[in-house]
Amino acid sequence: MADLNPLITKEMLVRYNQLNQQKKRIEEQLDELKKAFNHYFDLSVGYHEKGEVIMDEYKLQRQIRTIEKYEQEETVKRLEALHLNELIQKKPDDKKIKSALDLGLLSETDLDGCKKVNKLNIVTVKPVRDSK
């Protein structure tokens, strides 16, 4: 196998680590500013209300996005009572399946071909502390 080390340098690792630390500090500062902006809008236009402020060449806007989701258990009960089972989507309960596997009520072979495994590539660079 070819030596791939020249593709990665110590300088790249150092720079990645520096940028990652900067990113964390920037995200914290952005979160604080967002909190301040939302607090301002809560006081000036109301909680969960859209608003806008223009200062010189900058415009700050708050938009409100609404996400509606039906409460699962009660909705299923009502749809079953209305005989509208075709509107119900059944899905496996991962926690209960794991418990059943742990208790021996179910075996891995019972579910062969059912499990989907997703893998993510996660890159981290951290300084190595001297252990001296």
N, C-alpha and C. Protein backbone atom coordinates (compact mmCIF):
# COMPACT_ATOMS: atom_id res chain seq x y z
N MET A 1 0.85 -1.18 0.00
CA MET A 1 0.00 0.00 0.00
C MET A 1 0.89 1.24 0.00
N ALA A 2 0.53 2.23 -0.78
CA ALA A 2 1.32 3.45 -0.89
C ALA A 2 1.24 4.25 0.40
N ASP A 3 2.30 4.99 0.68
CA ASP A 3 2.34 5.85 1.86
C ASP A 3 1.49 7.09 1.60
N LEU A 4 0.40 7.24 2.35
CA LEU A 4 -0.52 8.36 2.15
C LEU A 4 -0.22 9.54 3.07
N ASN A 5 0.75 9.37 3.98
CA ASN A 5 1.06 10.43 4.93
C ASN A 5 1.38 11.78 4.31
N PRO A 6 2.10 11.86 3.17
CA PRO A 6 2.40 13.18 2.61
C PRO A 6 1.15 13.98 2.24
N LEU A 7 0.00 13.31 2.10
CA LEU A 7 -1.23 14.03 1.80
C LEU A 7 -1.73 14.84 2.98
N ILE A 8 -1.33 14.44 4.18
CA ILE A 8 -1.74 15.13 5.40
C ILE A 8 -0.48 15.62 6.09
N THR A 9 -0.48 16.90 6.42
CA THR A 9 0.69 17.46 7.09
C THR A 9 0.32 17.91 8.50
N LYS A 10 1.34 18.09 9.31
CA LYS A 10 1.11 18.59 10.68
C LYS A 10 0.46 19.96 10.62
N GLU A 11 0.88 20.78 9.66
CA GLU A 11 0.31 22.13 9.52
C GLU A 11 -1.19 22.07 9.24
N MET A 12 -1.59 21.08 8.45
CA MET A 12 -3.02 20.92 8.17
C MET A 12 -3.79 20.57 9.44
N LEU A 13 -3.21 19.69 10.26
CA LEU A 13 -3.86 19.31 11.51
C LEU A 13 -3.94 20.49 12.47
N VAL A 14 -2.87 21.24 12.57
CA VAL A 14 -2.85 22.43 13.44
C VAL A 14 -3.89 23.42 12.97
N ARG A 15 -3.94 23.68 11.65
CA ARG A 15 -4.89 24.65 11.10
C ARG A 15 -6.33 24.19 11.31
N TYR A 16 -6.58 22.91 11.10
CA TYR A 16 -7.92 22.36 11.31
C TYR A 16 -8.35 22.58 12.77
N ASN A 17 -7.46 22.27 13.68
CA ASN A 17 -7.76 22.43 15.10
C ASN A 17 -8.04 23.90 15.43
N GLN A 18 -7.22 24.80 14.91
CA GLN A 18 -7.43 26.23 15.16
C GLN A 18 -8.78 26.70 14.62
N LEU A 19 -9.08 26.31 13.40
CA LEU A 19 -10.35 26.71 12.79
C LEU A 19 -11.54 26.13 13.54
N ASN A 20 -11.42 24.90 13.99
CA ASN A 20 -12.50 24.27 14.74
C ASN A 20 -12.75 25.01 16.06
N GLN A 21 -11.69 25.41 16.73
CA GLN A 21 -11.83 26.18 17.97
C GLN A 21 -12.47 27.54 17.69
N GLN A 22 -12.05 28.19 16.60
CA GLN A 22 -12.65 29.47 16.22
C GLN A 22 -14.13 29.29 15.91
N LYS A 23 -14.45 28.21 15.22
CA LYS A 23 -15.84 27.92 14.86
C LYS A 23 -16.70 27.79 16.12
N LYS A 24 -16.18 27.09 17.13
CA LYS A 24 -16.94 26.93 18.38
C LYS A 24 -17.18 28.27 19.05
N ARG A 25 -16.13 29.11 19.09
CA ARG A 25 -16.28 30.45 19.71
C ARG A 25 -17.27 31.30 18.91
N ILE A 26 -17.19 31.23 17.60
CA ILE A 26 -18.10 32.01 16.75
C ILE A 26 -19.53 31.53 16.93
N GLU A 27 -19.75 30.22 16.98
CA GLU A 27 -21.10 29.68 17.17
C GLU A 27 -21.68 30.12 18.52
N GLU A 28 -20.85 30.15 19.56
CA GLU A 28 -21.32 30.61 20.87
C GLU A 28 -21.73 32.08 20.80
N GLN A 29 -20.92 32.90 20.12
CA GLN A 29 -21.24 34.32 19.99
C GLN A 29 -22.51 34.52 19.17
N LEU A 30 -22.66 33.76 18.08
CA LEU A 30 -23.87 33.85 17.27
C LEU A 30 -25.11 33.47 18.07
N ASP A 31 -24.99 32.42 18.88
CA ASP A 31 -26.11 32.00 19.73
C ASP A 31 -26.50 33.11 20.70
N GLU A 32 -25.52 33.77 21.29
CA GLU A 32 -25.81 34.87 22.22
C GLU A 32 -26.52 36.02 21.51
N LEU A 33 -26.04 36.36 20.31
CA LEU A 33 -26.69 37.42 19.55
C LEU A 33 -28.11 37.04 19.16
N LYS A 34 -28.32 35.80 18.74
CA LYS A 34 -29.67 35.34 18.39
C LYS A 34 -30.61 35.44 19.59
N LYS A 35 -30.09 35.08 20.77
CA LYS A 35 -30.92 35.18 21.98
C LYS A 35 -31.31 36.63 22.23
N ALA A 36 -30.35 37.54 22.06
CA ALA A 36 -30.63 38.97 22.28
C ALA A 36 -31.65 39.47 21.26
N PHE A 37 -31.50 39.08 19.99
CA PHE A 37 -32.44 39.51 18.96
C PHE A 37 -33.84 38.98 19.24
N ASN A 38 -33.94 37.70 19.61
CA ASN A 38 -35.24 37.12 19.91
C ASN A 38 -35.87 37.77 21.13
N HIS A 39 -35.07 38.08 22.13
CA HIS A 39 -35.58 38.77 23.32
C HIS A 39 -36.14 40.14 22.94
N TYR A 40 -35.40 40.85 22.09
CA TYR A 40 -35.88 42.16 21.62
C TYR A 40 -37.23 42.02 20.93
N PHE A 41 -37.32 41.07 20.00
CA PHE A 41 -38.58 40.90 19.26
C PHE A 41 -39.70 40.42 20.18
N ASP A 42 -39.40 39.56 21.16
CA ASP A 42 -40.42 39.13 22.11
C ASP A 42 -41.02 40.34 22.82
N LEU A 43 -40.16 41.27 23.22
CA LEU A 43 -40.62 42.46 23.94
C LEU A 43 -41.31 43.47 23.02
N SER A 44 -40.81 43.62 21.80
CA SER A 44 -41.33 44.68 20.94
C SER A 44 -42.55 44.26 20.10
N VAL A 45 -42.58 43.03 19.60
CA VAL A 45 -43.71 42.64 18.75
C VAL A 45 -44.50 41.47 19.31
N GLY A 46 -43.95 40.79 20.30
CA GLY A 46 -44.66 39.67 20.91
C GLY A 46 -43.97 38.35 20.65
N TYR A 47 -44.26 37.41 21.54
CA TYR A 47 -43.69 36.08 21.48
C TYR A 47 -44.19 35.36 20.23
N HIS A 48 -43.31 34.75 19.48
CA HIS A 48 -43.63 34.03 18.24
C HIS A 48 -44.32 34.92 17.22
N GLU A 49 -43.93 36.17 17.16
CA GLU A 49 -44.44 37.09 16.14
C GLU A 49 -43.28 37.54 15.28
N LYS A 50 -43.54 37.70 13.99
CA LYS A 50 -42.45 38.14 13.12
C LYS A 50 -42.21 39.63 13.31
N GLY A 51 -40.99 40.04 13.01
CA GLY A 51 -40.64 41.44 13.19
C GLY A 51 -39.48 41.82 12.30
N GLU A 52 -39.23 43.13 12.27
CA GLU A 52 -38.16 43.64 11.42
C GLU A 52 -37.62 44.93 12.00
N VAL A 53 -36.31 45.09 11.94
CA VAL A 53 -35.64 46.31 12.39
C VAL A 53 -34.63 46.67 11.32
N ILE A 54 -34.61 47.95 10.93
CA ILE A 54 -33.61 48.42 9.96
C ILE A 54 -32.74 49.45 10.66
N MET A 55 -31.43 49.21 10.61
CA MET A 55 -30.44 50.13 11.17
C MET A 55 -29.40 50.39 10.11
N ASP A 56 -29.35 51.62 9.62
CA ASP A 56 -28.44 51.98 8.54
C ASP A 56 -28.61 51.01 7.38
N GLU A 57 -27.56 50.32 6.98
CA GLU A 57 -27.65 49.42 5.82
C GLU A 57 -27.94 47.98 6.21
N TYR A 58 -28.33 47.75 7.46
CA TYR A 58 -28.60 46.38 7.93
C TYR A 58 -30.07 46.22 8.28
N LYS A 59 -30.61 45.07 7.92
CA LYS A 59 -31.99 44.75 8.27
C LYS A 59 -31.99 43.45 9.06
N LEU A 60 -32.59 43.48 10.23
CA LEU A 60 -32.74 42.30 11.07
C LEU A 60 -34.20 41.88 10.98
N GLN A 61 -34.42 40.62 10.64
CA GLN A 61 -35.78 40.11 10.54
C GLN A 61 -35.93 38.87 11.40
N ARG A 62 -37.10 38.70 11.95
CA ARG A 62 -37.44 37.43 12.60
C ARG A 62 -38.63 36.87 11.85
N GLN A 63 -38.45 35.68 11.34
CA GLN A 63 -39.53 34.98 10.69
C GLN A 63 -39.98 33.85 11.61
N ILE A 64 -41.22 33.49 11.51
CA ILE A 64 -41.76 32.42 12.33
C ILE A 64 -42.14 31.26 11.42
N ARG A 65 -41.54 30.12 11.66
CA ARG A 65 -41.89 28.91 10.91
C ARG A 65 -42.68 28.02 11.85
N THR A 66 -43.79 27.54 11.35
CA THR A 66 -44.66 26.68 12.14
C THR A 66 -44.55 25.26 11.64
N ILE A 67 -44.27 24.36 12.54
CA ILE A 67 -44.21 22.94 12.21
C ILE A 67 -45.33 22.25 12.98
N GLU A 68 -46.22 21.63 12.24
CA GLU A 68 -47.33 20.93 12.88
C GLU A 68 -47.06 19.43 12.82
N LYS A 69 -47.27 18.77 13.93
CA LYS A 69 -47.08 17.33 13.99
C LYS A 69 -48.17 16.76 14.89
N TYR A 70 -48.80 15.73 14.41
CA TYR A 70 -49.86 15.12 15.20
C TYR A 70 -49.27 14.30 16.33
N GLU A 71 -49.85 14.40 17.51
CA GLU A 71 -49.42 13.61 18.66
C GLU A 71 -49.77 12.17 18.33
N GLN A 72 -48.76 11.32 18.37
CA GLN A 72 -48.88 9.97 17.82
C GLN A 72 -49.97 9.12 18.48
N GLU A 73 -49.91 8.95 19.77
CA GLU A 73 -50.80 7.99 20.44
C GLU A 73 -52.27 8.37 20.30
N GLU A 74 -52.61 9.61 20.62
CA GLU A 74 -54.00 10.05 20.57
C GLU A 74 -54.53 10.04 19.14
N THR A 75 -53.70 10.45 18.19
CA THR A 75 -54.13 10.48 16.80
C THR A 75 -54.42 9.07 16.29
N VAL A 76 -53.55 8.11 16.64
CA VAL A 76 -53.76 6.71 16.23
C VAL A 76 -55.08 6.19 16.80
N LYS A 77 -55.33 6.48 18.08
CA LYS A 77 -56.58 6.02 18.70
C LYS A 77 -57.80 6.56 17.95
N ARG A 78 -57.76 7.85 17.65
CA ARG A 78 -58.91 8.46 16.98
C ARG A 78 -59.10 7.94 15.56
N LEU A 79 -58.00 7.77 14.84
CA LEU A 79 -58.09 7.25 13.48
C LEU A 79 -58.61 5.81 13.48
N GLU A 80 -58.16 5.01 14.46
CA GLU A 80 -58.67 3.63 14.58
C GLU A 80 -60.16 3.64 14.90
N ALA A 81 -60.58 4.55 15.78
CA ALA A 81 -62.00 4.64 16.13
C ALA A 81 -62.84 5.06 14.93
N LEU A 82 -62.27 5.85 14.05
CA LEU A 82 -62.97 6.30 12.84
C LEU A 82 -62.81 5.30 11.68
N HIS A 83 -62.15 4.16 11.97
CA HIS A 83 -61.90 3.11 10.96
C HIS A 83 -61.13 3.65 9.76
N LEU A 84 -60.14 4.51 10.07
CA LEU A 84 -59.28 5.08 9.02
C LEU A 84 -57.85 4.57 9.19
N ASN A 85 -57.74 3.24 9.31
CA ASN A 85 -56.44 2.62 9.54
C ASN A 85 -55.44 2.88 8.42
N GLU A 86 -55.94 3.15 7.21
CA GLU A 86 -55.03 3.43 6.10
C GLU A 86 -54.26 4.75 6.30
N LEU A 87 -54.69 5.56 7.26
CA LEU A 87 -53.99 6.81 7.56
C LEU A 87 -52.94 6.64 8.66
N ILE A 88 -52.80 5.42 9.14
CA ILE A 88 -51.86 5.14 10.22
C ILE A 88 -50.63 4.46 9.64
N GLN A 89 -49.48 5.01 9.97
CA GLN A 89 -48.22 4.43 9.53
C GLN A 89 -47.58 3.74 10.73
N LYS A 90 -47.40 2.45 10.61
CA LYS A 90 -46.79 1.70 11.71
C LYS A 90 -45.29 1.68 11.52
N LYS A 91 -44.57 1.79 12.62
CA LYS A 91 -43.11 1.72 12.55
C LYS A 91 -42.56 0.99 13.76
N PRO A 92 -41.45 0.31 13.59
CA PRO A 92 -40.88 -0.46 14.70
C PRO A 92 -40.35 0.47 15.80
N ASP A 93 -40.44 -0.02 17.02
CA ASP A 93 -39.94 0.70 18.18
C ASP A 93 -38.55 0.16 18.52
N ASP A 94 -37.52 0.94 18.17
CA ASP A 94 -36.13 0.49 18.34
C ASP A 94 -35.81 0.09 19.79
N LYS A 95 -36.30 0.87 20.74
CA LYS A 95 -36.01 0.57 22.15
C LYS A 95 -36.63 -0.76 22.58
N LYS A 96 -37.86 -1.00 22.17
CA LYS A 96 -38.54 -2.24 22.54
C LYS A 96 -37.90 -3.44 21.86
N ILE A 97 -37.48 -3.25 20.62
CA ILE A 97 -36.80 -4.35 19.91
C ILE A 97 -35.50 -4.69 20.61
N LYS A 98 -34.73 -3.68 21.01
CA LYS A 98 -33.47 -3.93 21.72
C LYS A 98 -33.73 -4.65 23.04
N SER A 99 -34.77 -4.23 23.75
CA SER A 99 -35.12 -4.90 25.01
C SER A 99 -35.50 -6.35 24.76
N ALA A 100 -36.29 -6.59 23.73
CA ALA A 100 -36.71 -7.97 23.41
C ALA A 100 -35.50 -8.82 23.03
N LEU A 101 -34.54 -8.24 22.32
CA LEU A 101 -33.30 -8.96 21.99
C LEU A 101 -32.51 -9.27 23.25
N ASP A 102 -32.39 -8.26 24.14
CA ASP A 102 -31.65 -8.44 25.39
C ASP A 102 -32.28 -9.51 26.27
N LEU A 103 -33.60 -9.58 26.27
CA LEU A 103 -34.32 -10.55 27.10
C LEU A 103 -34.42 -11.93 26.45
N GLY A 104 -33.99 -12.03 25.20
CA GLY A 104 -34.04 -13.31 24.50
C GLY A 104 -35.41 -13.63 23.93
N LEU A 105 -36.32 -12.67 23.93
CA LEU A 105 -37.65 -12.89 23.36
C LEU A 105 -37.61 -12.86 21.83
N LEU A 106 -36.54 -12.30 21.31
CA LEU A 106 -36.35 -12.13 19.88
C LEU A 106 -34.89 -12.39 19.59
N SER A 107 -34.58 -12.99 18.47
CA SER A 107 -33.17 -13.20 18.13
C SER A 107 -32.82 -12.36 16.91
N GLU A 108 -31.52 -12.09 16.75
CA GLU A 108 -31.06 -11.30 15.60
C GLU A 108 -31.49 -11.93 14.29
N THR A 109 -31.52 -13.29 14.25
CA THR A 109 -31.89 -13.97 13.00
C THR A 109 -33.36 -13.76 12.65
N ASP A 110 -34.20 -13.49 13.68
CA ASP A 110 -35.61 -13.21 13.41
C ASP A 110 -35.78 -11.95 12.56
N LEU A 111 -34.79 -11.07 12.67
CA LEU A 111 -34.89 -9.79 11.96
C LEU A 111 -33.84 -9.65 10.86
N ASP A 112 -33.30 -10.78 10.39
CA ASP A 112 -32.31 -10.72 9.30
C ASP A 112 -32.87 -9.94 8.12
N GLY A 113 -32.05 -9.02 7.62
CA GLY A 113 -32.45 -8.22 6.48
C GLY A 113 -33.33 -7.03 6.82
N CYS A 114 -33.65 -6.85 8.09
CA CYS A 114 -34.53 -5.75 8.50
C CYS A 114 -33.75 -4.52 8.98
N LYS A 115 -32.54 -4.74 9.44
CA LYS A 115 -31.78 -3.64 10.05
C LYS A 115 -31.00 -2.88 8.98
N LYS A 116 -31.13 -1.57 9.00
CA LYS A 116 -30.38 -0.71 8.09
C LYS A 116 -29.34 0.02 8.93
N VAL A 117 -28.09 -0.04 8.50
CA VAL A 117 -27.01 0.59 9.25
C VAL A 117 -26.44 1.72 8.41
N ASN A 118 -26.46 2.93 8.95
CA ASN A 118 -25.85 4.08 8.30
C ASN A 118 -24.56 4.40 9.01
N LYS A 119 -23.52 4.67 8.24
CA LYS A 119 -22.24 5.05 8.83
C LYS A 119 -21.88 6.44 8.35
N LEU A 120 -21.43 7.26 9.26
CA LEU A 120 -21.02 8.62 8.96
C LEU A 120 -19.52 8.74 9.15
N ASN A 121 -18.89 9.50 8.30
CA ASN A 121 -17.47 9.80 8.48
C ASN A 121 -17.36 11.05 9.32
N ILE A 122 -16.75 10.93 10.46
CA ILE A 122 -16.58 12.07 11.36
C ILE A 122 -15.10 12.31 11.55
N VAL A 123 -14.66 13.52 11.26
CA VAL A 123 -13.25 13.87 11.37
C VAL A 123 -13.07 14.75 12.59
N THR A 124 -12.14 14.41 13.45
CA THR A 124 -11.81 15.26 14.57
C THR A 124 -10.30 15.43 14.64
N VAL A 125 -9.88 16.61 15.05
CA VAL A 125 -8.48 16.88 15.27
C VAL A 125 -8.38 17.53 16.63
N LYS A 126 -7.60 16.94 17.52
CA LYS A 126 -7.43 17.50 18.86
C LYS A 126 -5.94 17.50 19.17
N PRO A 127 -5.51 18.50 19.92
CA PRO A 127 -4.09 18.49 20.29
C PRO A 127 -3.80 17.32 21.23
N VAL A 128 -2.65 16.72 21.04
CA VAL A 128 -2.24 15.63 21.90
C VAL A 128 -1.44 16.24 23.04
N ARG A 129 -1.87 15.98 24.25
CA ARG A 129 -1.18 16.52 25.43
C ARG A 129 0.08 15.73 25.71
N ASP A 130 1.10 16.41 26.16
CA ASP A 130 2.33 15.72 26.57
C ASP A 130 2.02 14.90 27.81
N SER A 131 2.40 13.64 27.79
CA SER A 131 2.12 12.76 28.93
C SER A 131 3.30 12.70 29.89
N LYS A 132 4.21 13.66 29.77
CA LYS A 132 5.40 13.67 30.65
C LYS A 132 5.10 14.21 32.02
